[in-house]
Amino acid sequence: MTNSLGTLNLLNFAVEQNIKRFIYASTMSIYGDVEDKPILETDCKNPKSYYGITKLAGENYVTAFSDKLNTTSFRLFNVYGEGQNMENLKQGMVSIYLSYFMKNIPVLVKGDKKRFRDFIYIDDVVDVWIQSIDLEISFGKVYNLATGKKTTVEVLLNTIAKKWGNQNYPIKYSNIRTSGDTFGIYADILKLKKDFNWSPKIDLETGIEKFIKWVKDEL
């Protein structure tokens, strides 16, 4: 109701109030299971979760209103970083794994360590959103918002352990795969790079280091 009807209500409100700019946070989850290659904005959308289905519905509403509003939709990949809710263990792969380190308990990994994602630091996301506000070339378009880099769960966890200061931290893998969870996905970001003249500034090691510093400061 929030993702689909809520988005529609906001779009109608924007038109009624003569608000000209509407930026939508979509998600990589709309793609569903994909091949092991960079995913394009034009590739098939086949969401496997209720979340992905409702976010795609919201994105379609935004597209339908693009003749009345200056809209842009960003399909966010795995965003992480300062300010993330560390108590919510149902979203955010990086924050979920990092929460085990915070509690000093072994990390439990559901699924194969060769699963992969495209992790983007929150500062890079915010930079793109701010730039998009007045960027006319982005009006009416949809973009993947990611780094374009493929990172496995194993590499992610090794990076977290290294930056936490314990490369021998206990990590347990199981073969249980969460329902609706995609095995692997990473983005093609050529469209975003071209229109925004942009590239991500924060690599994984730097991002994890910044995130861990923030977490430890908050403990």
C-alpha atoms as a PDB file:
ATOM      1  CA  MET A   1       0.000   0.000   0.000  1.00  0.00           C
ATOM      2  CA  THR A   2       2.867   2.368   0.805  1.00  0.00           C
ATOM      3  CA  ASN A   3       4.965   1.584  -2.258  1.00  0.00           C
ATOM      4  CA  SER A   4       2.189   1.517  -4.853  1.00  0.00           C
ATOM      5  CA  LEU A   5      -0.863   3.468  -3.676  1.00  0.00           C
ATOM      6  CA  GLY A   6       1.291   5.757  -1.536  1.00  0.00           C
ATOM      7  CA  THR A   7       3.372   6.727  -4.569  1.00  0.00           C
ATOM      8  CA  LEU A   8       0.245   7.334  -6.637  1.00  0.00           C
ATOM      9  CA  ASN A   9      -1.163   9.578  -3.897  1.00  0.00           C
ATOM     10  CA  LEU A  10       2.063  11.612  -3.820  1.00  0.00           C
ATOM     11  CA  LEU A  11       2.052  12.012  -7.598  1.00  0.00           C
ATOM     12  CA  ASN A  12      -1.544  13.270  -7.565  1.00  0.00           C
ATOM     13  CA  PHE A  13      -0.690  15.610  -4.696  1.00  0.00           C
ATOM     14  CA  ALA A  14       2.294  17.003  -6.627  1.00  0.00           C
ATOM     15  CA  VAL A  15       0.081  17.767  -9.641  1.00  0.00           C
ATOM     16  CA  GLU A  16      -2.634  19.350  -7.469  1.00  0.00           C
ATOM     17  CA  GLN A  17      -0.075  21.538  -5.649  1.00  0.00           C
ATOM     18  CA  ASN A  18       1.728  22.520  -8.857  1.00  0.00           C
ATOM     19  CA  ILE A  19       4.956  20.831  -7.707  1.00  0.00           C
ATOM     20  CA  LYS A  20       7.122  20.420 -10.796  1.00  0.00           C
ATOM     21  CA  ARG A  21       9.854  17.989  -9.706  1.00  0.00           C
ATOM     22  CA  PHE A  22       9.356  14.374  -8.580  1.00  0.00           C
ATOM     23  CA  ILE A  23      12.268  12.004  -7.860  1.00  0.00           C
ATOM     24  CA  TYR A  24      11.500   8.370  -7.088  1.00  0.00           C
ATOM     25  CA  ALA A  25      13.550   5.774  -5.222  1.00  0.00           C
ATOM     26  CA  SER A  26      13.044   2.538  -7.130  1.00  0.00           C
ATOM     27  CA  THR A  27      15.086  -0.624  -6.595  1.00  0.00           C
ATOM     28  CA  MET A  28      17.215  -3.285  -8.253  1.00  0.00           C
ATOM     29  CA  SER A  29      14.643  -5.784  -6.929  1.00  0.00           C
ATOM     30  CA  ILE A  30      12.400  -5.062  -9.900  1.00  0.00           C
ATOM     31  CA  TYR A  31      14.752  -7.066 -12.158  1.00  0.00           C
ATOM     32  CA  GLY A  32      14.415 -10.382 -10.298  1.00  0.00           C
ATOM     33  CA  ASP A  33      16.754 -13.223 -11.262  1.00  0.00           C
ATOM     34  CA  VAL A  34      19.185 -12.117 -13.966  1.00  0.00           C
ATOM     35  CA  GLU A  35      22.169 -13.428 -15.909  1.00  0.00           C
ATOM     36  CA  ASP A  36      25.711 -12.883 -14.635  1.00  0.00           C
ATOM     37  CA  LYS A  37      26.266  -9.668 -16.569  1.00  0.00           C
ATOM     38  CA  PRO A  38      25.747  -5.930 -15.942  1.00  0.00           C
ATOM     39  CA  ILE A  39      21.990  -5.268 -15.928  1.00  0.00           C
ATOM     40  CA  LEU A  40      20.675  -2.540 -18.234  1.00  0.00           C
ATOM     41  CA  GLU A  41      17.704  -0.259 -17.557  1.00  0.00           C
ATOM     42  CA  THR A  42      16.029  -1.758 -20.644  1.00  0.00           C
ATOM     43  CA  ASP A  43      16.395  -5.377 -19.489  1.00  0.00           C
ATOM     44  CA  CYS A  44      13.401  -7.484 -18.473  1.00  0.00           C
ATOM     45  CA  LYS A  45      11.692  -6.697 -15.170  1.00  0.00           C
ATOM     46  CA  ASN A  46      10.577  -9.830 -13.335  1.00  0.00           C
ATOM     47  CA  PRO A  47      10.484  -9.110  -9.576  1.00  0.00           C
ATOM     48  CA  LYS A  48      10.473 -12.140  -7.259  1.00  0.00           C
ATOM     49  CA  SER A  49       9.369 -10.405  -4.051  1.00  0.00           C
ATOM     50  CA  TYR A  50       6.308  -8.433  -2.969  1.00  0.00           C
ATOM     51  CA  TYR A  51       8.653  -5.527  -2.341  1.00  0.00           C
ATOM     52  CA  GLY A  52       9.991  -5.601  -5.895  1.00  0.00           C
ATOM     53  CA  ILE A  53       6.497  -5.955  -7.372  1.00  0.00           C
ATOM     54  CA  THR A  54       5.119  -2.947  -5.487  1.00  0.00           C
ATOM     55  CA  LYS A  55       8.172  -0.794  -6.194  1.00  0.00           C
ATOM     56  CA  LEU A  56       7.826  -1.562  -9.909  1.00  0.00           C
ATOM     57  CA  ALA A  57       4.173  -0.550  -9.703  1.00  0.00           C
ATOM     58  CA  GLY A  58       5.262   2.736  -8.120  1.00  0.00           C
ATOM     59  CA  GLU A  59       7.853   3.268 -10.842  1.00  0.00           C
ATOM     60  CA  ASN A  60       5.205   2.679 -13.519  1.00  0.00           C
ATOM     61  CA  TYR A  61       2.961   5.280 -11.882  1.00  0.00           C
ATOM     62  CA  VAL A  62       5.850   7.755 -11.945  1.00  0.00           C
ATOM     63  CA  THR A  63       6.440   7.081 -15.639  1.00  0.00           C
ATOM     64  CA  ALA A  64       2.728   7.566 -16.342  1.00  0.00           C
ATOM     65  CA  PHE A  65       2.898  11.031 -14.723  1.00  0.00           C
ATOM     66  CA  SER A  66       5.983  12.136 -16.671  1.00  0.00           C
ATOM     67  CA  ASP A  67       3.790  14.233 -18.984  1.00  0.00           C
ATOM     68  CA  LYS A  68       2.572  16.256 -15.979  1.00  0.00           C
ATOM     69  CA  LEU A  69       5.725  16.357 -13.824  1.00  0.00           C
ATOM     70  CA  ASN A  70       9.476  16.433 -14.318  1.00  0.00           C
ATOM     71  CA  THR A  71      10.122  12.919 -13.028  1.00  0.00           C
ATOM     72  CA  THR A  72      13.248  10.843 -12.553  1.00  0.00           C
ATOM     73  CA  SER A  73      13.416   7.307 -11.149  1.00  0.00           C
ATOM     74  CA  PHE A  74      16.578   5.829  -9.677  1.00  0.00           C
ATOM     75  CA  ARG A  75      16.851   2.063  -9.323  1.00  0.00           C
ATOM     76  CA  LEU A  76      18.967   1.864  -6.178  1.00  0.00           C
ATOM     77  CA  PHE A  77      21.263  -1.097  -5.778  1.00  0.00           C
ATOM     78  CA  ASN A  78      22.794  -2.048  -2.395  1.00  0.00           C
ATOM     79  CA  VAL A  79      23.102   1.284  -0.589  1.00  0.00           C
ATOM     80  CA  TYR A  80      25.004   1.326   2.711  1.00  0.00           C
ATOM     81  CA  GLY A  81      26.624   3.813   5.043  1.00  0.00           C
ATOM     82  CA  GLU A  82      26.245   6.332   7.842  1.00  0.00           C
ATOM     83  CA  GLY A  83      22.752   6.823   9.203  1.00  0.00           C
ATOM     84  CA  GLN A  84      21.546   3.323   8.350  1.00  0.00           C
ATOM     85  CA  ASN A  85      19.170   1.656  10.807  1.00  0.00           C
ATOM     86  CA  MET A  86      21.339  -0.963  12.478  1.00  0.00           C
ATOM     87  CA  GLU A  87      18.354  -2.440  14.313  1.00  0.00           C
ATOM     88  CA  ASN A  88      16.520  -3.418  11.123  1.00  0.00           C
ATOM     89  CA  LEU A  89      17.910  -6.835  10.198  1.00  0.00           C
ATOM     90  CA  LYS A  90      15.508  -7.289   7.278  1.00  0.00           C
ATOM     91  CA  GLN A  91      17.202  -4.837   4.929  1.00  0.00           C
ATOM     92  CA  GLY A  92      20.721  -3.831   3.943  1.00  0.00           C
ATOM     93  CA  MET A  93      23.197  -6.679   3.417  1.00  0.00           C
ATOM     94  CA  VAL A  94      26.166  -4.663   4.698  1.00  0.00           C
ATOM     95  CA  SER A  95      24.381  -3.469   7.834  1.00  0.00           C
ATOM     96  CA  ILE A  96      22.981  -6.945   8.558  1.00  0.00           C
ATOM     97  CA  TYR A  97      26.444  -8.519   8.483  1.00  0.00           C
ATOM     98  CA  LEU A  98      28.013  -5.619  10.350  1.00  0.00           C
ATOM     99  CA  SER A  99      25.437  -6.001  13.133  1.00  0.00           C
ATOM    100  CA  TYR A 100      27.001  -9.384  14.037  1.00  0.00           C
ATOM    101  CA  PHE A 101      30.394  -7.713  14.484  1.00  0.00           C
ATOM    102  CA  MET A 102      28.751  -5.067  16.669  1.00  0.00           C
ATOM    103  CA  LYS A 103      27.264  -7.765  18.917  1.00  0.00           C
ATOM    104  CA  ASN A 104      30.498  -9.802  18.913  1.00  0.00           C
ATOM    105  CA  ILE A 105      28.764 -12.976  17.718  1.00  0.00           C
ATOM    106  CA  PRO A 106      29.604 -15.223  14.726  1.00  0.00           C
ATOM    107  CA  VAL A 107      28.229 -14.001  11.402  1.00  0.00           C
ATOM    108  CA  LEU A 108      25.488 -16.262  10.031  1.00  0.00           C
ATOM    109  CA  VAL A 109      25.322 -16.098   6.234  1.00  0.00           C
ATOM    110  CA  LYS A 110      22.177 -17.390   4.542  1.00  0.00           C
ATOM    111  CA  GLY A 111      23.090 -18.584   1.074  1.00  0.00           C
ATOM    112  CA  ASP A 112      26.198 -19.122  -1.020  1.00  0.00           C
ATOM    113  CA  LYS A 113      29.299 -17.019  -0.394  1.00  0.00           C
ATOM    114  CA  LYS A 114      29.623 -16.602  -4.172  1.00  0.00           C
ATOM    115  CA  ARG A 115      26.397 -14.585  -4.329  1.00  0.00           C
ATOM    116  CA  PHE A 116      27.120 -11.065  -5.544  1.00  0.00           C
ATOM    117  CA  ARG A 117      25.781  -7.533  -5.363  1.00  0.00           C
ATOM    118  CA  ASP A 118      26.617  -3.972  -6.375  1.00  0.00           C
ATOM    119  CA  PHE A 119      27.352  -1.933  -3.232  1.00  0.00           C
ATOM    120  CA  ILE A 120      27.168   1.869  -3.364  1.00  0.00           C
ATOM    121  CA  TYR A 121      27.980   4.221  -0.498  1.00  0.00           C
ATOM    122  CA  ILE A 122      25.278   6.634   0.642  1.00  0.00           C
ATOM    123  CA  ASP A 123      27.366   9.747  -0.120  1.00  0.00           C
ATOM    124  CA  ASP A 124      27.540   8.813  -3.819  1.00  0.00           C
ATOM    125  CA  VAL A 125      23.768   8.291  -3.889  1.00  0.00           C
ATOM    126  CA  VAL A 126      23.111  11.677  -2.287  1.00  0.00           C
ATOM    127  CA  ASP A 127      25.461  13.412  -4.742  1.00  0.00           C
ATOM    128  CA  VAL A 128      23.498  12.017  -7.704  1.00  0.00           C
ATOM    129  CA  TRP A 129      20.131  12.936  -6.205  1.00  0.00           C
ATOM    130  CA  ILE A 130      21.209  16.515  -5.546  1.00  0.00           C
ATOM    131  CA  GLN A 131      22.640  16.862  -9.036  1.00  0.00           C
ATOM    132  CA  SER A 132      19.436  15.483 -10.563  1.00  0.00           C
ATOM    133  CA  ILE A 133      17.174  18.176  -9.103  1.00  0.00           C
ATOM    134  CA  ASP A 134      17.879  20.705 -11.844  1.00  0.00           C
ATOM    135  CA  LEU A 135      19.373  18.390 -14.470  1.00  0.00           C
ATOM    136  CA  GLU A 136      16.916  18.627 -17.346  1.00  0.00           C
ATOM    137  CA  ILE A 137      18.463  15.768 -19.308  1.00  0.00           C
ATOM    138  CA  SER A 138      17.317  13.430 -16.523  1.00  0.00           C
ATOM    139  CA  PHE A 139      13.659  14.463 -16.697  1.00  0.00           C
ATOM    140  CA  GLY A 140      11.371  11.594 -17.653  1.00  0.00           C
ATOM    141  CA  LYS A 141      14.144   9.005 -17.399  1.00  0.00           C
ATOM    142  CA  VAL A 142      15.010   5.946 -15.315  1.00  0.00           C
ATOM    143  CA  TYR A 143      18.548   5.164 -14.136  1.00  0.00           C
ATOM    144  CA  ASN A 144      20.436   2.407 -12.374  1.00  0.00           C
ATOM    145  CA  LEU A 145      22.146   4.021  -9.380  1.00  0.00           C
ATOM    146  CA  ALA A 146      25.103   1.824  -8.464  1.00  0.00           C
ATOM    147  CA  THR A 147      28.871   1.468  -8.916  1.00  0.00           C
ATOM    148  CA  GLY A 148      28.776  -0.996 -11.808  1.00  0.00           C
ATOM    149  CA  LYS A 149      31.087  -3.304  -9.827  1.00  0.00           C
ATOM    150  CA  LYS A 150      30.370  -6.921  -8.909  1.00  0.00           C
ATOM    151  CA  THR A 151      31.261  -7.879  -5.325  1.00  0.00           C
ATOM    152  CA  THR A 152      30.717 -11.335  -3.830  1.00  0.00           C
ATOM    153  CA  VAL A 153      29.426 -11.927  -0.308  1.00  0.00           C
ATOM    154  CA  GLU A 154      32.763 -13.515   0.537  1.00  0.00           C
ATOM    155  CA  VAL A 155      34.721 -10.417  -0.543  1.00  0.00           C
ATOM    156  CA  LEU A 156      32.292  -8.165   1.327  1.00  0.00           C
ATOM    157  CA  LEU A 157      32.678 -10.129   4.576  1.00  0.00           C
ATOM    158  CA  ASN A 158      36.468 -10.293   4.259  1.00  0.00           C
ATOM    159  CA  THR A 159      36.513  -6.520   3.777  1.00  0.00           C
ATOM    160  CA  ILE A 160      34.301  -5.936   6.827  1.00  0.00           C
ATOM    161  CA  ALA A 161      36.483  -8.264   8.956  1.00  0.00           C
ATOM    162  CA  LYS A 162      39.654  -6.513   7.792  1.00  0.00           C
ATOM    163  CA  LYS A 163      38.317  -3.034   8.496  1.00  0.00           C
ATOM    164  CA  TRP A 164      36.846  -4.160  11.821  1.00  0.00           C
ATOM    165  CA  GLY A 165      40.338  -5.274  12.826  1.00  0.00           C
ATOM    166  CA  ASN A 166      39.819  -9.044  13.000  1.00  0.00           C
ATOM    167  CA  GLN A 167      40.436 -10.948   9.776  1.00  0.00           C
ATOM    168  CA  ASN A 168      39.821 -14.254  11.611  1.00  0.00           C
ATOM    169  CA  TYR A 169      36.329 -13.284  12.765  1.00  0.00           C
ATOM    170  CA  PRO A 170      34.052 -16.388  12.834  1.00  0.00           C
ATOM    171  CA  ILE A 171      31.733 -16.588   9.813  1.00  0.00           C
ATOM    172  CA  LYS A 172      29.253 -19.441   9.299  1.00  0.00           C
ATOM    173  CA  TYR A 173      27.724 -20.191   5.913  1.00  0.00           C
ATOM    174  CA  SER A 174      24.441 -22.019   5.351  1.00  0.00           C
ATOM    175  CA  ASN A 175      22.738 -23.108   2.139  1.00  0.00           C
ATOM    176  CA  ILE A 176      19.451 -21.502   3.142  1.00  0.00           C
ATOM    177  CA  ARG A 177      18.352 -18.942   0.550  1.00  0.00           C
ATOM    178  CA  THR A 178      15.915 -16.258   1.598  1.00  0.00           C
ATOM    179  CA  SER A 179      12.651 -16.318  -0.373  1.00  0.00           C
ATOM    180  CA  GLY A 180      12.628 -13.694  -3.134  1.00  0.00           C
ATOM    181  CA  ASP A 181      16.378 -13.131  -2.819  1.00  0.00           C
ATOM    182  CA  THR A 182      18.299 -12.826  -6.101  1.00  0.00           C
ATOM    183  CA  PHE A 183      21.511 -14.877  -6.356  1.00  0.00           C
ATOM    184  CA  GLY A 184      23.460 -12.089  -7.970  1.00  0.00           C
ATOM    185  CA  ILE A 185      23.010  -8.722  -9.631  1.00  0.00           C
ATOM    186  CA  TYR A 186      25.140  -5.733 -10.598  1.00  0.00           C
ATOM    187  CA  ALA A 187      24.444  -2.715 -12.755  1.00  0.00           C
ATOM    188  CA  ASP A 188      25.364  -1.213 -16.066  1.00  0.00           C
ATOM    189  CA  ILE A 189      25.687   2.520 -15.227  1.00  0.00           C
ATOM    190  CA  LEU A 190      26.764   3.907 -18.601  1.00  0.00           C
ATOM    191  CA  LYS A 191      23.496   5.858 -18.981  1.00  0.00           C
ATOM    192  CA  LEU A 192      23.979   7.522 -15.587  1.00  0.00           C
ATOM    193  CA  LYS A 193      27.652   8.279 -16.264  1.00  0.00           C
ATOM    194  CA  LYS A 194      26.835   9.863 -19.619  1.00  0.00           C
ATOM    195  CA  ASP A 195      23.900  12.060 -18.570  1.00  0.00           C
ATOM    196  CA  PHE A 196      25.370  13.113 -15.215  1.00  0.00           C
ATOM    197  CA  ASN A 197      29.048  13.125 -16.143  1.00  0.00           C
ATOM    198  CA  TRP A 198      29.443  11.137 -12.942  1.00  0.00           C
ATOM    199  CA  SER A 199      31.371   8.224 -11.492  1.00  0.00           C
ATOM    200  CA  PRO A 200      31.214   6.819  -7.946  1.00  0.00           C
ATOM    201  CA  LYS A 201      33.868   8.347  -5.718  1.00  0.00           C
ATOM    202  CA  ILE A 202      33.906   5.898  -2.791  1.00  0.00           C
ATOM    203  CA  ASP A 203      35.206   2.352  -3.313  1.00  0.00           C
ATOM    204  CA  LEU A 204      34.142  -0.582  -1.146  1.00  0.00           C
ATOM    205  CA  GLU A 205      37.125  -0.543   1.222  1.00  0.00           C
ATOM    206  CA  THR A 206      36.800   3.183   1.860  1.00  0.00           C
ATOM    207  CA  GLY A 207      33.041   2.943   2.276  1.00  0.00           C
ATOM    208  CA  ILE A 208      33.235   0.045   4.731  1.00  0.00           C
ATOM    209  CA  GLU A 209      35.912   1.875   6.715  1.00  0.00           C
ATOM    210  CA  LYS A 210      33.754   5.028   6.932  1.00  0.00           C
ATOM    211  CA  PHE A 211      30.684   2.987   7.862  1.00  0.00           C
ATOM    212  CA  ILE A 212      32.494   1.078  10.612  1.00  0.00           C
ATOM    213  CA  LYS A 213      33.900   4.291  12.070  1.00  0.00           C
ATOM    214  CA  TRP A 214      30.381   5.715  12.260  1.00  0.00           C
ATOM    215  CA  VAL A 215      29.045   2.495  13.849  1.00  0.00           C
ATOM    216  CA  LYS A 216      31.782   2.416  16.486  1.00  0.00           C
ATOM    217  CA  ASP A 217      31.242   6.104  17.279  1.00  0.00           C
ATOM    218  CA  GLU A 218      27.540   5.344  17.814  1.00  0.00           C
ATOM    219  CA  LEU A 219      28.133   2.322  20.094  1.00  0.00           C
END
